[in-house]
Amino acid sequence: MEKTVSGARVHKPTPASTWLLVLCWLVYTCSLLGKVNYSANITQVEDFFGVTHQSAGLVTSFYFFAYGAG
């Protein structure tokens, strides 16, 4: 059913579009939490895996590029 608001048509959201919005929000939230948690624990990751700070920082760079592409 369409309604008009100031001459523009407004469509009622379908269940599929609602689920898509929720799914996108969930993926974004999980990605953000992963990035924040990794950045907070980067020194422990370096010590545990024995990698350099530059190597461990690549993960943060990939988060940046994935965010930009997304």
PDB file of N, CA and C in Angstrom:
ATOM      1  N   MET A   1       0.845  -1.171   0.000  1.00  0.00           N
ATOM      2  CA  MET A   1       0.000   0.000   0.000  1.00  0.00           C
ATOM      3  C   MET A   1       0.891   1.235   0.000  1.00  0.00           C
ATOM      4  N   GLU A   2       0.581   2.168  -0.843  1.00  0.00           N
ATOM      5  CA  GLU A   2       1.387   3.375  -0.962  1.00  0.00           C
ATOM      6  C   GLU A   2       0.659   4.562  -0.334  1.00  0.00           C
ATOM      7  N   LYS A   3       1.414   5.367   0.335  1.00  0.00           N
ATOM      8  CA  LYS A   3       0.909   6.614   0.892  1.00  0.00           C
ATOM      9  C   LYS A   3       1.756   7.725   0.305  1.00  0.00           C
ATOM     10  N   THR A   4       1.226   8.899   0.299  1.00  0.00           N
ATOM     11  CA  THR A   4       2.008  10.024  -0.188  1.00  0.00           C
ATOM     12  C   THR A   4       2.289  10.986   0.949  1.00  0.00           C
ATOM     13  N   VAL A   5       3.501  11.440   0.982  1.00  0.00           N
ATOM     14  CA  VAL A   5       3.929  12.435   1.954  1.00  0.00           C
ATOM     15  C   VAL A   5       4.626  13.529   1.161  1.00  0.00           C
ATOM     16  N   SER A   6       4.062  14.688   1.156  1.00  0.00           N
ATOM     17  CA  SER A   6       4.604  15.827   0.407  1.00  0.00           C
ATOM     18  C   SER A   6       4.812  15.482  -1.059  1.00  0.00           C
ATOM     19  N   GLY A   7       3.918  14.704  -1.609  1.00  0.00           N
ATOM     20  CA  GLY A   7       3.996  14.358  -3.013  1.00  0.00           C
ATOM     21  C   GLY A   7       4.907  13.188  -3.333  1.00  0.00           C
ATOM     22  N   ALA A   8       5.633  12.652  -2.343  1.00  0.00           N
ATOM     23  CA  ALA A   8       6.529  11.516  -2.571  1.00  0.00           C
ATOM     24  C   ALA A   8       5.830  10.228  -2.130  1.00  0.00           C
ATOM     25  N   ARG A   9       6.055   9.183  -2.878  1.00  0.00           N
ATOM     26  CA  ARG A   9       5.460   7.897  -2.514  1.00  0.00           C
ATOM     27  C   ARG A   9       6.291   7.228  -1.433  1.00  0.00           C
ATOM     28  N   VAL A  10       5.626   6.672  -0.455  1.00  0.00           N
ATOM     29  CA  VAL A  10       6.283   5.979   0.643  1.00  0.00           C
ATOM     30  C   VAL A  10       5.799   4.540   0.613  1.00  0.00           C
ATOM     31  N   HIS A  11       6.744   3.598   0.524  1.00  0.00           N
ATOM     32  CA  HIS A  11       6.400   2.183   0.477  1.00  0.00           C
ATOM     33  C   HIS A  11       6.552   1.573   1.859  1.00  0.00           C
ATOM     34  N   LYS A  12       5.639   0.673   2.177  1.00  0.00           N
ATOM     35  CA  LYS A  12       5.722  -0.042   3.432  1.00  0.00           C
ATOM     36  C   LYS A  12       6.855  -1.064   3.322  1.00  0.00           C
ATOM     37  N   PRO A  13       7.752  -1.129   4.314  1.00  0.00           N
ATOM     38  CA  PRO A  13       8.858  -2.083   4.238  1.00  0.00           C
ATOM     39  C   PRO A  13       8.344  -3.524   4.243  1.00  0.00           C
ATOM     40  N   THR A  14       8.975  -4.353   3.440  1.00  0.00           N
ATOM     41  CA  THR A  14       8.616  -5.768   3.397  1.00  0.00           C
ATOM     42  C   THR A  14       9.406  -6.512   4.467  1.00  0.00           C
ATOM     43  N   PRO A  15       8.961  -7.713   4.840  1.00  0.00           N
ATOM     44  CA  PRO A  15       9.733  -8.483   5.823  1.00  0.00           C
ATOM     45  C   PRO A  15      11.159  -8.780   5.338  1.00  0.00           C
ATOM     46  N   ALA A  16      11.325  -9.000   4.037  1.00  0.00           N
ATOM     47  CA  ALA A  16      12.664  -9.286   3.515  1.00  0.00           C
ATOM     48  C   ALA A  16      13.586  -8.082   3.676  1.00  0.00           C
ATOM     49  N   SER A  17      13.102  -6.889   3.426  1.00  0.00           N
ATOM     50  CA  SER A  17      13.948  -5.707   3.575  1.00  0.00           C
ATOM     51  C   SER A  17      14.262  -5.440   5.050  1.00  0.00           C
ATOM     52  N   THR A  18      13.351  -5.759   5.923  1.00  0.00           N
ATOM     53  CA  THR A  18      13.602  -5.604   7.354  1.00  0.00           C
ATOM     54  C   THR A  18      14.690  -6.562   7.808  1.00  0.00           C
ATOM     55  N   TRP A  19      14.618  -7.823   7.361  1.00  0.00           N
ATOM     56  CA  TRP A  19      15.648  -8.808   7.716  1.00  0.00           C
ATOM     57  C   TRP A  19      17.001  -8.420   7.135  1.00  0.00           C
ATOM     58  N   LEU A  20      17.010  -7.882   5.934  1.00  0.00           N
ATOM     59  CA  LEU A  20      18.266  -7.454   5.328  1.00  0.00           C
ATOM     60  C   LEU A  20      18.894  -6.325   6.131  1.00  0.00           C
ATOM     61  N   LEU A  21      18.097  -5.387   6.564  1.00  0.00           N
ATOM     62  CA  LEU A  21      18.596  -4.292   7.389  1.00  0.00           C
ATOM     63  C   LEU A  21      19.164  -4.817   8.702  1.00  0.00           C
ATOM     64  N   VAL A  22      18.472  -5.724   9.350  1.00  0.00           N
ATOM     65  CA  VAL A  22      18.941  -6.306  10.608  1.00  0.00           C
ATOM     66  C   VAL A  22      20.239  -7.082  10.384  1.00  0.00           C
ATOM     67  N   LEU A  23      20.310  -7.843   9.299  1.00  0.00           N
ATOM     68  CA  LEU A  23      21.513  -8.608   8.995  1.00  0.00           C
ATOM     69  C   LEU A  23      22.707  -7.691   8.735  1.00  0.00           C
ATOM     70  N   CYS A  24      22.498  -6.620   7.981  1.00  0.00           N
ATOM     71  CA  CYS A  24      23.582  -5.661   7.725  1.00  0.00           C
ATOM     72  C   CYS A  24      24.057  -5.012   9.017  1.00  0.00           C
ATOM     73  N   TRP A  25      23.127  -4.649   9.873  1.00  0.00           N
ATOM     74  CA  TRP A  25      23.489  -4.042  11.153  1.00  0.00           C
ATOM     75  C   TRP A  25      24.289  -5.025  12.001  1.00  0.00           C
ATOM     76  N   LEU A  26      23.868  -6.284  12.029  1.00  0.00           N
ATOM     77  CA  LEU A  26      24.548  -7.300  12.825  1.00  0.00           C
ATOM     78  C   LEU A  26      25.979  -7.538  12.328  1.00  0.00           C
ATOM     79  N   VAL A  27      26.158  -7.637  11.023  1.00  0.00           N
ATOM     80  CA  VAL A  27      27.495  -7.837  10.457  1.00  0.00           C
ATOM     81  C   VAL A  27      28.387  -6.642  10.755  1.00  0.00           C
ATOM     82  N   TYR A  28      27.862  -5.434  10.597  1.00  0.00           N
ATOM     83  CA  TYR A  28      28.639  -4.229  10.881  1.00  0.00           C
ATOM     84  C   TYR A  28      29.042  -4.172  12.356  1.00  0.00           C
ATOM     85  N   THR A  29      28.107  -4.497  13.239  1.00  0.00           N
ATOM     86  CA  THR A  29      28.386  -4.453  14.671  1.00  0.00           C
ATOM     87  C   THR A  29      29.445  -5.473  15.062  1.00  0.00           C
ATOM     88  N   CYS A  30      29.341  -6.689  14.523  1.00  0.00           N
ATOM     89  CA  CYS A  30      30.338  -7.717  14.819  1.00  0.00           C
ATOM     90  C   CYS A  30      31.712  -7.314  14.293  1.00  0.00           C
ATOM     91  N   SER A  31      31.761  -6.731  13.115  1.00  0.00           N
ATOM     92  CA  SER A  31      33.032  -6.281  12.547  1.00  0.00           C
ATOM     93  C   SER A  31      33.645  -5.180  13.411  1.00  0.00           C
ATOM     94  N   LEU A  32      32.838  -4.248  13.838  1.00  0.00           N
ATOM     95  CA  LEU A  32      33.338  -3.160  14.677  1.00  0.00           C
ATOM     96  C   LEU A  32      33.852  -3.684  16.011  1.00  0.00           C
ATOM     97  N   LEU A  33      33.119  -4.601  16.619  1.00  0.00           N
ATOM     98  CA  LEU A  33      33.570  -5.176  17.887  1.00  0.00           C
ATOM     99  C   LEU A  33      34.880  -5.947  17.710  1.00  0.00           C
ATOM    100  N   GLY A  34      35.008  -6.667  16.593  1.00  0.00           N
ATOM    101  CA  GLY A  34      36.246  -7.385  16.328  1.00  0.00           C
ATOM    102  C   GLY A  34      37.422  -6.446  16.173  1.00  0.00           C
ATOM    103  N   LYS A  35      37.203  -5.346  15.480  1.00  0.00           N
ATOM    104  CA  LYS A  35      38.273  -4.365  15.278  1.00  0.00           C
ATOM    105  C   LYS A  35      38.685  -3.724  16.592  1.00  0.00           C
ATOM    106  N   VAL A  36      37.716  -3.345  17.383  1.00  0.00           N
ATOM    107  CA  VAL A  36      38.011  -2.684  18.662  1.00  0.00           C
ATOM    108  C   VAL A  36      38.710  -3.658  19.612  1.00  0.00           C
ATOM    109  N   ASN A  37      38.224  -4.884  19.691  1.00  0.00           N
ATOM    110  CA  ASN A  37      38.836  -5.860  20.586  1.00  0.00           C
ATOM    111  C   ASN A  37      40.237  -6.237  20.134  1.00  0.00           C
ATOM    112  N   TYR A  38      40.450  -6.357  18.827  1.00  0.00           N
ATOM    113  CA  TYR A  38      41.796  -6.684  18.337  1.00  0.00           C
ATOM    114  C   TYR A  38      42.762  -5.556  18.659  1.00  0.00           C
ATOM    115  N   SER A  39      42.337  -4.326  18.449  1.00  0.00           N
ATOM    116  CA  SER A  39      43.220  -3.188  18.723  1.00  0.00           C
ATOM    117  C   SER A  39      43.577  -3.108  20.209  1.00  0.00           C
ATOM    118  N   ALA A  40      42.638  -3.472  21.068  1.00  0.00           N
ATOM    119  CA  ALA A  40      42.899  -3.414  22.506  1.00  0.00           C
ATOM    120  C   ALA A  40      43.850  -4.527  22.958  1.00  0.00           C
ATOM    121  N   ASN A  41      43.897  -5.631  22.207  1.00  0.00           N
ATOM    122  CA  ASN A  41      44.694  -6.786  22.616  1.00  0.00           C
ATOM    123  C   ASN A  41      45.871  -7.062  21.696  1.00  0.00           C
ATOM    124  N   ILE A  42      46.297  -6.089  20.928  1.00  0.00           N
ATOM    125  CA  ILE A  42      47.334  -6.331  19.933  1.00  0.00           C
ATOM    126  C   ILE A  42      48.658  -6.735  20.583  1.00  0.00           C
ATOM    127  N   THR A  43      48.977  -6.219  21.748  1.00  0.00           N
ATOM    128  CA  THR A  43      50.245  -6.600  22.384  1.00  0.00           C
ATOM    129  C   THR A  43      50.222  -8.056  22.834  1.00  0.00           C
ATOM    130  N   GLN A  44      49.083  -8.526  23.310  1.00  0.00           N
ATOM    131  CA  GLN A  44      48.971  -9.935  23.694  1.00  0.00           C
ATOM    132  C   GLN A  44      49.069 -10.846  22.470  1.00  0.00           C
ATOM    133  N   VAL A  45      48.509 -10.411  21.348  1.00  0.00           N
ATOM    134  CA  VAL A  45      48.605 -11.181  20.105  1.00  0.00           C
ATOM    135  C   VAL A  45      50.055 -11.268  19.654  1.00  0.00           C
ATOM    136  N   GLU A  46      50.775 -10.163  19.730  1.00  0.00           N
ATOM    137  CA  GLU A  46      52.186 -10.150  19.355  1.00  0.00           C
ATOM    138  C   GLU A  46      52.998 -11.112  20.217  1.00  0.00           C
ATOM    139  N   ASP A  47      52.771 -11.077  21.529  1.00  0.00           N
ATOM    140  CA  ASP A  47      53.513 -11.949  22.435  1.00  0.00           C
ATOM    141  C   ASP A  47      53.165 -13.419  22.215  1.00  0.00           C
ATOM    142  N   PHE A  48      51.890 -13.724  22.060  1.00  0.00           N
ATOM    143  CA  PHE A  48      51.450 -15.110  21.935  1.00  0.00           C
ATOM    144  C   PHE A  48      51.940 -15.750  20.637  1.00  0.00           C
ATOM    145  N   PHE A  49      51.806 -15.034  19.514  1.00  0.00           N
ATOM    146  CA  PHE A  49      52.181 -15.595  18.223  1.00  0.00           C
ATOM    147  C   PHE A  49      53.629 -15.276  17.829  1.00  0.00           C
ATOM    148  N   GLY A  50      54.280 -14.415  18.578  1.00  0.00           N
ATOM    149  CA  GLY A  50      55.665 -14.074  18.293  1.00  0.00           C
ATOM    150  C   GLY A  50      55.847 -13.303  16.996  1.00  0.00           C
ATOM    151  N   VAL A  51      54.942 -12.416  16.698  1.00  0.00           N
ATOM    152  CA  VAL A  51      55.032 -11.617  15.471  1.00  0.00           C
ATOM    153  C   VAL A  51      55.460 -10.195  15.823  1.00  0.00           C
ATOM    154  N   THR A  52      55.923  -9.475  14.819  1.00  0.00           N
ATOM    155  CA  THR A  52      56.332  -8.090  15.034  1.00  0.00           C
ATOM    156  C   THR A  52      55.105  -7.180  15.074  1.00  0.00           C
ATOM    157  N   HIS A  53      55.347  -5.973  15.541  1.00  0.00           N
ATOM    158  CA  HIS A  53      54.251  -4.995  15.619  1.00  0.00           C
ATOM    159  C   HIS A  53      53.731  -4.653  14.216  1.00  0.00           C
ATOM    160  N   GLN A  54      54.626  -4.602  13.236  1.00  0.00           N
ATOM    161  CA  GLN A  54      54.217  -4.298  11.861  1.00  0.00           C
ATOM    162  C   GLN A  54      53.339  -5.405  11.293  1.00  0.00           C
ATOM    163  N   SER A  55      53.686  -6.657  11.559  1.00  0.00           N
ATOM    164  CA  SER A  55      52.884  -7.777  11.061  1.00  0.00           C
ATOM    165  C   SER A  55      51.509  -7.806  11.724  1.00  0.00           C
ATOM    166  N   ALA A  56      51.476  -7.565  13.011  1.00  0.00           N
ATOM    167  CA  ALA A  56      50.194  -7.561  13.716  1.00  0.00           C
ATOM    168  C   ALA A  56      49.339  -6.370  13.278  1.00  0.00           C
ATOM    169  N   GLY A  57      49.981  -5.283  12.879  1.00  0.00           N
ATOM    170  CA  GLY A  57      49.248  -4.105  12.428  1.00  0.00           C
ATOM    171  C   GLY A  57      48.592  -4.288  11.075  1.00  0.00           C
ATOM    172  N   LEU A  58      49.022  -5.272  10.311  1.00  0.00           N
ATOM    173  CA  LEU A  58      48.387  -5.536   9.014  1.00  0.00           C
ATOM    174  C   LEU A  58      46.912  -5.884   9.168  1.00  0.00           C
ATOM    175  N   VAL A  59      46.573  -6.550  10.242  1.00  0.00           N
ATOM    176  CA  VAL A  59      45.172  -6.910  10.466  1.00  0.00           C
ATOM    177  C   VAL A  59      44.318  -5.650  10.579  1.00  0.00           C
ATOM    178  N   THR A  60      44.812  -4.668  11.302  1.00  0.00           N
ATOM    179  CA  THR A  60      44.094  -3.401  11.431  1.00  0.00           C
ATOM    180  C   THR A  60      43.970  -2.703  10.087  1.00  0.00           C
ATOM    181  N   SER A  61      45.012  -2.808   9.264  1.00  0.00           N
ATOM    182  CA  SER A  61      44.951  -2.225   7.917  1.00  0.00           C
ATOM    183  C   SER A  61      43.884  -2.907   7.073  1.00  0.00           C
ATOM    184  N   PHE A  62      43.777  -4.213   7.201  1.00  0.00           N
ATOM    185  CA  PHE A  62      42.754  -4.942   6.445  1.00  0.00           C
ATOM    186  C   PHE A  62      41.346  -4.569   6.913  1.00  0.00           C
ATOM    187  N   TYR A  63      41.187  -4.334   8.216  1.00  0.00           N
ATOM    188  CA  TYR A  63      39.895  -3.840   8.707  1.00  0.00           C
ATOM    189  C   TYR A  63      39.561  -2.498   8.050  1.00  0.00           C
ATOM    190  N   PHE A  64      40.561  -1.623   7.914  1.00  0.00           N
ATOM    191  CA  PHE A  64      40.359  -0.319   7.304  1.00  0.00           C
ATOM    192  C   PHE A  64      39.915  -0.463   5.851  1.00  0.00           C
ATOM    193  N   PHE A  65      40.609  -1.310   5.097  1.00  0.00           N
ATOM    194  CA  PHE A  65      40.271  -1.498   3.681  1.00  0.00           C
ATOM    195  C   PHE A  65      38.910  -2.171   3.515  1.00  0.00           C
ATOM    196  N   ALA A  66      38.596  -3.135   4.379  1.00  0.00           N
ATOM    197  CA  ALA A  66      37.281  -3.794   4.305  1.00  0.00           C
ATOM    198  C   ALA A  66      36.169  -2.810   4.631  1.00  0.00           C
ATOM    199  N   TYR A  67      36.406  -1.917   5.578  1.00  0.00           N
ATOM    200  CA  TYR A  67      35.413  -0.908   5.924  1.00  0.00           C
ATOM    201  C   TYR A  67      35.209   0.056   4.751  1.00  0.00           C
ATOM    202  N   GLY A  68      36.301   0.425   4.104  1.00  0.00           N
ATOM    203  CA  GLY A  68      36.205   1.330   2.962  1.00  0.00           C
ATOM    204  C   GLY A  68      35.511   0.693   1.770  1.00  0.00           C
ATOM    205  N   ALA A  69      35.698  -0.599   1.590  1.00  0.00           N
ATOM    206  CA  ALA A  69      35.070  -1.301   0.460  1.00  0.00           C
ATOM    207  C   ALA A  69      33.605  -1.576   0.728  1.00  0.00           C
ATOM    208  N   GLY A  70      33.259  -1.638   2.001  1.00  0.00           N
ATOM    209  CA  GLY A  70      31.953  -2.121   2.385  1.00  0.00           C
ATOM    210  C   GLY A  70      30.813  -1.260   2.282  1.00  0.00           C
TER     211      GLY A  70
END
